Amino acid sequence: MKALRIIVLLGMFGLVLSTSSSAEAAIHTAKHHVSLVDSSATHIQPIGWRRNQGSADQLFARMSSRYTSPHLSVAPTSGPDGSQATVTGGGFQHKHCEKPELSFRDSTGTTTFLRTTGATFSVPVAVPDQAATGLGAFIETSRHYSYYFRRCILLYPVSVGFTVTMSVAPTSGPDGSQVTVSGERFYHQGCAKPRLSFRDSAGTTTFLRTTGAAFSVPVAIPDQATTGPGAFVETFEHFIHRFPFHRCVGRPPVETGFTVTTSS
């Protein structure tokens, strides 16, 4: 019986020794993969990081330089139909796929294809003729090759806003002078006609006349309009056919700048 107790005790002692050896081995291994906090260091290095690979910030910078989020910008951000604008973009990767496509969508939802681009570009384009006035957008669509599905997948489009304005000629003059204002596609079927007004630099708004959906009309700058930057403003309504709303709803006004100068 005493011999049996000795054998059991020896077995338990061996198990403890084995467990202690395994723990020491684990700690020894961890020391090679986990960097301890250095009193002179500005941050703790991550697990599995080696000093000869540089800092985590350097790794992030290298990865960011290779994978840039798609972005798009336009200058200027407004103008009449037919005007020129420069669209700049980057980060549109398309390896093994068709080139990215640049389009323009006007305020009525009409989309016009403009041209193809590269992954990075800065190109001059023209706002489509007869584009509806109001807030539109330049849209870039691109595809990315999926090695998992082994095909090109259409990505979410990237857009940047552009406001199609009316055109006015000339763009400056004294109060009482004659100018020609032109606009396109102010749809108002079933609603009141669009209204053209002038707002001077003091904020005083003067109604000028009603217009049609498309127009090019001569108007006079209101007498005693305050000198400085003003604007011609076109307000209009759109009829909604969606249940339960069947009524005319005001759309955002469209403006184009005009500077009132002093009389010579």
Protein backbone atom coordinates (compact mmCIF):
# COMPACT_ATOMS: atom_id res chain seq x y z
CA MET A 1 0.00 0.00 0.00
CA LYS A 2 2.86 2.36 0.89
CA ALA A 3 4.55 1.53 -2.40
CA LEU A 4 1.36 2.40 -4.30
CA ARG A 5 1.20 5.83 -2.59
CA ILE A 6 4.81 6.53 -3.55
CA ILE A 7 4.08 5.66 -7.20
CA VAL A 8 1.03 7.98 -7.25
CA LEU A 9 2.98 10.85 -5.69
CA LEU A 10 5.81 10.41 -8.19
CA GLY A 11 3.29 10.49 -11.04
CA MET A 12 1.71 13.71 -9.79
CA PHE A 13 5.16 15.28 -9.33
CA GLY A 14 6.04 14.36 -12.90
CA LEU A 15 2.83 15.93 -14.19
CA VAL A 16 3.63 19.18 -12.40
CA LEU A 17 7.13 19.18 -13.83
CA SER A 18 5.73 18.55 -17.32
CA THR A 19 3.20 21.37 -16.94
CA SER A 20 5.86 23.77 -15.67
CA SER A 21 8.14 22.88 -18.58
CA SER A 22 5.32 23.50 -21.08
CA ALA A 23 4.54 26.89 -19.48
CA GLU A 24 8.20 27.90 -19.57
CA ALA A 25 8.39 26.88 -23.23
CA ALA A 26 5.28 28.92 -24.03
CA ILE A 27 6.67 31.96 -22.23
CA HIS A 28 9.99 31.55 -24.02
CA THR A 29 8.21 31.38 -27.38
CA ALA A 30 6.03 34.39 -26.58
CA LYS A 31 9.07 36.47 -25.72
CA HIS A 32 10.25 36.10 -29.32
CA HIS A 33 6.94 37.36 -30.72
CA VAL A 34 5.78 40.01 -28.24
CA SER A 35 7.89 43.12 -27.80
CA LEU A 36 7.93 44.45 -24.26
CA VAL A 37 7.19 48.11 -23.54
CA ASP A 38 10.30 50.23 -23.92
CA SER A 39 10.44 53.30 -21.68
CA SER A 40 11.86 55.31 -24.59
CA ALA A 41 9.34 54.03 -27.16
CA THR A 42 6.39 56.13 -28.29
CA HIS A 43 4.10 53.12 -28.78
CA ILE A 44 3.90 49.37 -28.23
CA GLN A 45 4.82 47.25 -31.22
CA PRO A 46 2.14 44.75 -32.27
CA ILE A 47 2.38 40.97 -31.85
CA GLY A 48 4.53 39.27 -34.45
CA TRP A 49 6.20 42.55 -35.48
CA ARG A 50 9.94 42.64 -36.08
CA ARG A 51 12.03 45.75 -35.69
CA ASN A 52 13.74 45.39 -39.06
CA GLN A 53 10.37 45.80 -40.82
CA GLY A 54 9.88 49.40 -39.63
CA SER A 55 7.03 50.86 -37.62
CA ALA A 56 3.33 50.11 -37.99
CA ASP A 57 2.84 53.65 -39.32
CA GLN A 58 5.34 52.96 -42.11
CA LEU A 59 3.51 49.76 -43.04
CA PHE A 60 0.17 51.62 -43.15
CA ALA A 61 1.73 54.30 -45.35
CA ARG A 62 3.02 51.68 -47.79
CA MET A 63 -0.36 49.96 -47.97
CA SER A 64 -2.21 53.27 -48.36
CA SER A 65 0.01 54.25 -51.28
CA ARG A 66 -0.98 51.05 -53.08
CA TYR A 67 -4.71 51.13 -52.28
CA THR A 68 -6.25 54.62 -52.60
CA SER A 69 -9.97 55.20 -52.07
CA PRO A 70 -11.71 56.44 -55.25
CA HIS A 71 -12.30 60.20 -55.27
CA LEU A 72 -13.74 62.74 -57.72
CA SER A 73 -13.75 66.55 -57.96
CA VAL A 74 -14.88 69.15 -60.51
CA ALA A 75 -14.00 72.79 -61.25
CA PRO A 76 -15.99 74.93 -61.61
CA THR A 77 -18.93 73.48 -59.71
CA SER A 78 -21.64 75.23 -61.74
CA GLY A 79 -22.33 76.55 -65.22
CA PRO A 80 -24.88 76.48 -68.06
CA ASP A 81 -25.35 73.56 -70.43
CA GLY A 82 -22.54 73.35 -72.98
CA SER A 83 -20.00 74.94 -70.62
CA GLN A 84 -16.58 73.41 -69.99
CA ALA A 85 -15.52 71.83 -66.69
CA THR A 86 -12.46 69.89 -65.54
CA VAL A 87 -13.13 66.61 -63.73
CA THR A 88 -10.31 65.10 -61.67
CA GLY A 89 -10.29 61.64 -60.12
CA GLY A 90 -8.06 58.92 -58.76
CA GLY A 91 -8.03 55.48 -57.15
CA PHE A 92 -10.21 53.84 -59.82
CA GLN A 93 -8.38 50.50 -60.14
CA HIS A 94 -9.49 48.51 -63.20
CA LYS A 95 -6.79 45.87 -63.83
CA HIS A 96 -8.11 43.11 -66.14
CA CYS A 97 -11.40 45.04 -66.56
CA GLU A 98 -12.89 47.70 -68.82
CA LYS A 99 -11.79 51.30 -68.33
CA PRO A 100 -13.82 53.46 -65.92
CA GLU A 101 -16.61 55.51 -67.51
CA LEU A 102 -17.45 59.16 -66.82
CA SER A 103 -21.07 60.32 -67.26
CA PHE A 104 -23.27 63.29 -66.39
CA ARG A 105 -26.72 63.07 -64.77
CA ASP A 106 -28.89 66.19 -64.77
CA SER A 107 -31.58 67.20 -62.29
CA THR A 108 -34.26 65.17 -64.10
CA GLY A 109 -32.20 61.97 -63.92
CA THR A 110 -31.17 61.95 -67.59
CA THR A 111 -27.69 60.39 -67.79
CA THR A 112 -25.28 61.10 -70.67
CA PHE A 113 -22.05 59.14 -71.23
CA LEU A 114 -19.07 61.46 -71.70
CA ARG A 115 -15.87 59.40 -72.04
CA THR A 116 -13.66 56.66 -70.59
CA THR A 117 -10.85 57.48 -68.16
CA GLY A 118 -7.85 55.88 -66.50
CA ALA A 119 -7.27 54.98 -62.86
CA THR A 120 -6.07 58.57 -62.30
CA PHE A 121 -7.15 61.44 -64.55
CA SER A 122 -7.85 65.15 -64.98
CA VAL A 123 -9.89 65.74 -68.13
CA PRO A 124 -11.85 68.63 -69.66
CA VAL A 125 -15.47 67.79 -70.47
CA ALA A 126 -18.53 69.70 -71.65
CA VAL A 127 -21.83 69.74 -69.78
CA PRO A 128 -24.31 68.09 -72.19
CA ASP A 129 -26.37 70.44 -74.35
CA GLN A 130 -29.93 70.93 -73.11
CA ALA A 131 -29.06 69.44 -69.71
CA ALA A 132 -31.86 70.27 -67.29
CA THR A 133 -31.07 73.19 -65.01
CA GLY A 134 -30.60 72.42 -61.33
CA LEU A 135 -28.39 70.14 -59.29
CA GLY A 136 -26.78 67.38 -61.37
CA ALA A 137 -23.66 65.27 -60.97
CA PHE A 138 -20.64 63.88 -62.74
CA ILE A 139 -20.53 60.12 -62.12
CA GLU A 140 -17.59 57.71 -62.44
CA THR A 141 -18.33 53.99 -62.67
CA SER A 142 -15.58 51.38 -62.49
CA ARG A 143 -15.12 47.62 -62.19
CA HIS A 144 -12.80 45.53 -60.04
CA TYR A 145 -11.55 42.05 -60.91
CA SER A 146 -12.47 39.44 -58.29
CA TYR A 147 -10.05 36.53 -58.16
CA TYR A 148 -12.61 34.64 -56.09
CA PHE A 149 -15.44 34.92 -58.65
CA ARG A 150 -12.98 35.21 -61.57
CA ARG A 151 -14.83 38.08 -63.19
CA CYS A 152 -15.14 41.87 -63.12
CA ILE A 153 -17.57 43.25 -60.55
CA LEU A 154 -19.22 46.66 -60.89
CA LEU A 155 -18.35 48.89 -57.92
CA TYR A 156 -20.51 51.60 -56.35
CA PRO A 157 -20.36 54.73 -58.54
CA VAL A 158 -18.55 57.81 -57.26
CA SER A 159 -20.17 61.19 -57.96
CA VAL A 160 -19.52 64.90 -57.50
CA GLY A 161 -22.21 67.56 -57.70
CA PHE A 162 -22.50 70.13 -60.49
CA THR A 163 -25.28 72.72 -60.79
CA VAL A 164 -26.52 73.50 -64.28
CA THR A 165 -27.42 77.17 -64.31
CA MET A 166 -29.12 79.51 -66.72
CA SER A 167 -26.97 81.61 -69.02
CA VAL A 168 -26.97 85.41 -69.18
CA ALA A 169 -25.31 87.78 -71.63
CA PRO A 170 -23.74 90.10 -70.79
CA THR A 171 -22.82 89.11 -67.23
CA SER A 172 -22.57 92.67 -65.88
CA GLY A 173 -24.06 96.12 -66.45
CA PRO A 174 -25.73 99.09 -64.73
CA ASP A 175 -29.32 99.14 -63.51
CA GLY A 176 -31.80 99.56 -66.38
CA SER A 177 -29.54 97.81 -68.91
CA GLN A 178 -30.84 95.06 -71.20
CA VAL A 179 -29.60 91.44 -70.97
CA THR A 180 -30.66 88.08 -72.43
CA VAL A 181 -31.39 85.20 -70.04
CA SER A 182 -31.63 81.62 -71.37
CA GLY A 183 -32.71 78.40 -69.67
CA GLU A 184 -33.57 74.80 -70.53
CA ARG A 185 -36.01 72.13 -69.37
CA PHE A 186 -37.92 73.85 -66.61
CA TYR A 187 -40.68 71.24 -66.77
CA HIS A 188 -43.96 72.50 -65.28
CA GLN A 189 -46.76 70.55 -67.01
CA GLY A 190 -49.91 70.85 -64.94
CA CYS A 191 -48.39 73.56 -62.73
CA ALA A 192 -47.90 77.32 -62.80
CA LYS A 193 -45.39 78.73 -65.30
CA PRO A 194 -41.80 79.28 -64.11
CA ARG A 195 -41.07 82.76 -62.74
CA LEU A 196 -37.91 84.76 -63.50
CA SER A 197 -36.75 87.32 -60.92
CA PHE A 198 -33.67 89.38 -60.13
CA ARG A 199 -32.04 89.62 -56.69
CA ASP A 200 -29.51 92.43 -56.15
CA SER A 201 -26.57 92.48 -53.72
CA ALA A 202 -28.77 93.93 -50.96
CA GLY A 203 -31.11 90.93 -51.17
CA THR A 204 -34.00 92.83 -52.80
CA THR A 205 -35.86 90.51 -55.21
CA THR A 206 -37.84 91.90 -58.16
CA PHE A 207 -40.17 89.74 -60.28
CA LEU A 208 -39.46 90.15 -64.01
CA ARG A 209 -41.69 87.77 -65.99
CA THR A 210 -42.92 84.20 -66.48
CA THR A 211 -41.15 81.85 -68.88
CA GLY A 212 -41.65 78.51 -70.57
CA ALA A 213 -39.84 75.21 -70.06
CA ALA A 214 -37.15 76.44 -72.49
CA PHE A 215 -36.58 80.13 -73.09
CA SER A 216 -34.23 82.88 -74.21
CA VAL A 217 -35.74 86.22 -73.26
CA PRO A 218 -34.59 89.86 -73.07
CA VAL A 219 -35.07 91.50 -69.68
CA ALA A 220 -34.02 94.76 -68.02
CA ILE A 221 -32.06 95.06 -64.80
CA PRO A 222 -34.43 96.69 -62.27
CA ASP A 223 -33.99 100.43 -61.81
CA GLN A 224 -32.10 101.39 -58.65
CA ALA A 225 -30.79 97.84 -58.19
CA THR A 226 -27.95 97.90 -55.64
CA THR A 227 -24.51 97.69 -57.23
CA GLY A 228 -22.50 94.52 -56.64
CA PRO A 229 -22.98 90.79 -57.30
CA GLY A 230 -26.61 89.83 -57.85
CA ALA A 231 -28.40 86.95 -59.56
CA PHE A 232 -31.24 86.01 -61.88
CA VAL A 233 -33.43 83.45 -60.12
CA GLU A 234 -35.84 81.01 -61.80
CA THR A 235 -38.44 79.33 -59.59
CA PHE A 236 -40.64 76.53 -60.87
CA GLU A 237 -42.84 73.62 -59.79
CA HIS A 238 -43.02 69.96 -60.73
CA PHE A 239 -46.15 67.80 -60.72
CA ILE A 240 -45.90 64.61 -58.62
CA HIS A 241 -47.92 61.58 -59.78
CA ARG A 242 -47.05 59.27 -56.89
CA PHE A 243 -49.88 58.01 -54.70
CA PRO A 244 -51.12 59.52 -52.44
CA PHE A 245 -49.54 62.79 -53.63
CA HIS A 246 -50.90 64.23 -56.88
CA ARG A 247 -49.95 67.87 -56.70
CA CYS A 248 -47.41 70.52 -57.71
CA VAL A 249 -44.28 70.71 -55.59
CA GLY A 250 -41.75 73.52 -55.70
CA ARG A 251 -38.27 72.61 -56.94
CA PRO A 252 -35.04 74.24 -55.72
CA PRO A 253 -34.58 77.60 -57.49
CA VAL A 254 -31.93 77.93 -60.19
CA GLU A 255 -29.65 80.97 -60.16
CA THR A 256 -27.05 82.55 -62.41
CA GLY A 257 -24.87 85.45 -61.36
CA PHE A 258 -24.98 89.01 -62.67
CA THR A 259 -22.97 91.99 -61.38
CA VAL A 260 -24.67 95.36 -61.23
CA THR A 261 -22.16 98.11 -62.03
CA THR A 262 -22.34 101.87 -61.60
CA SER A 263 -23.62 103.98 -64.49
CA SER A 264 -20.89 105.66 -66.52
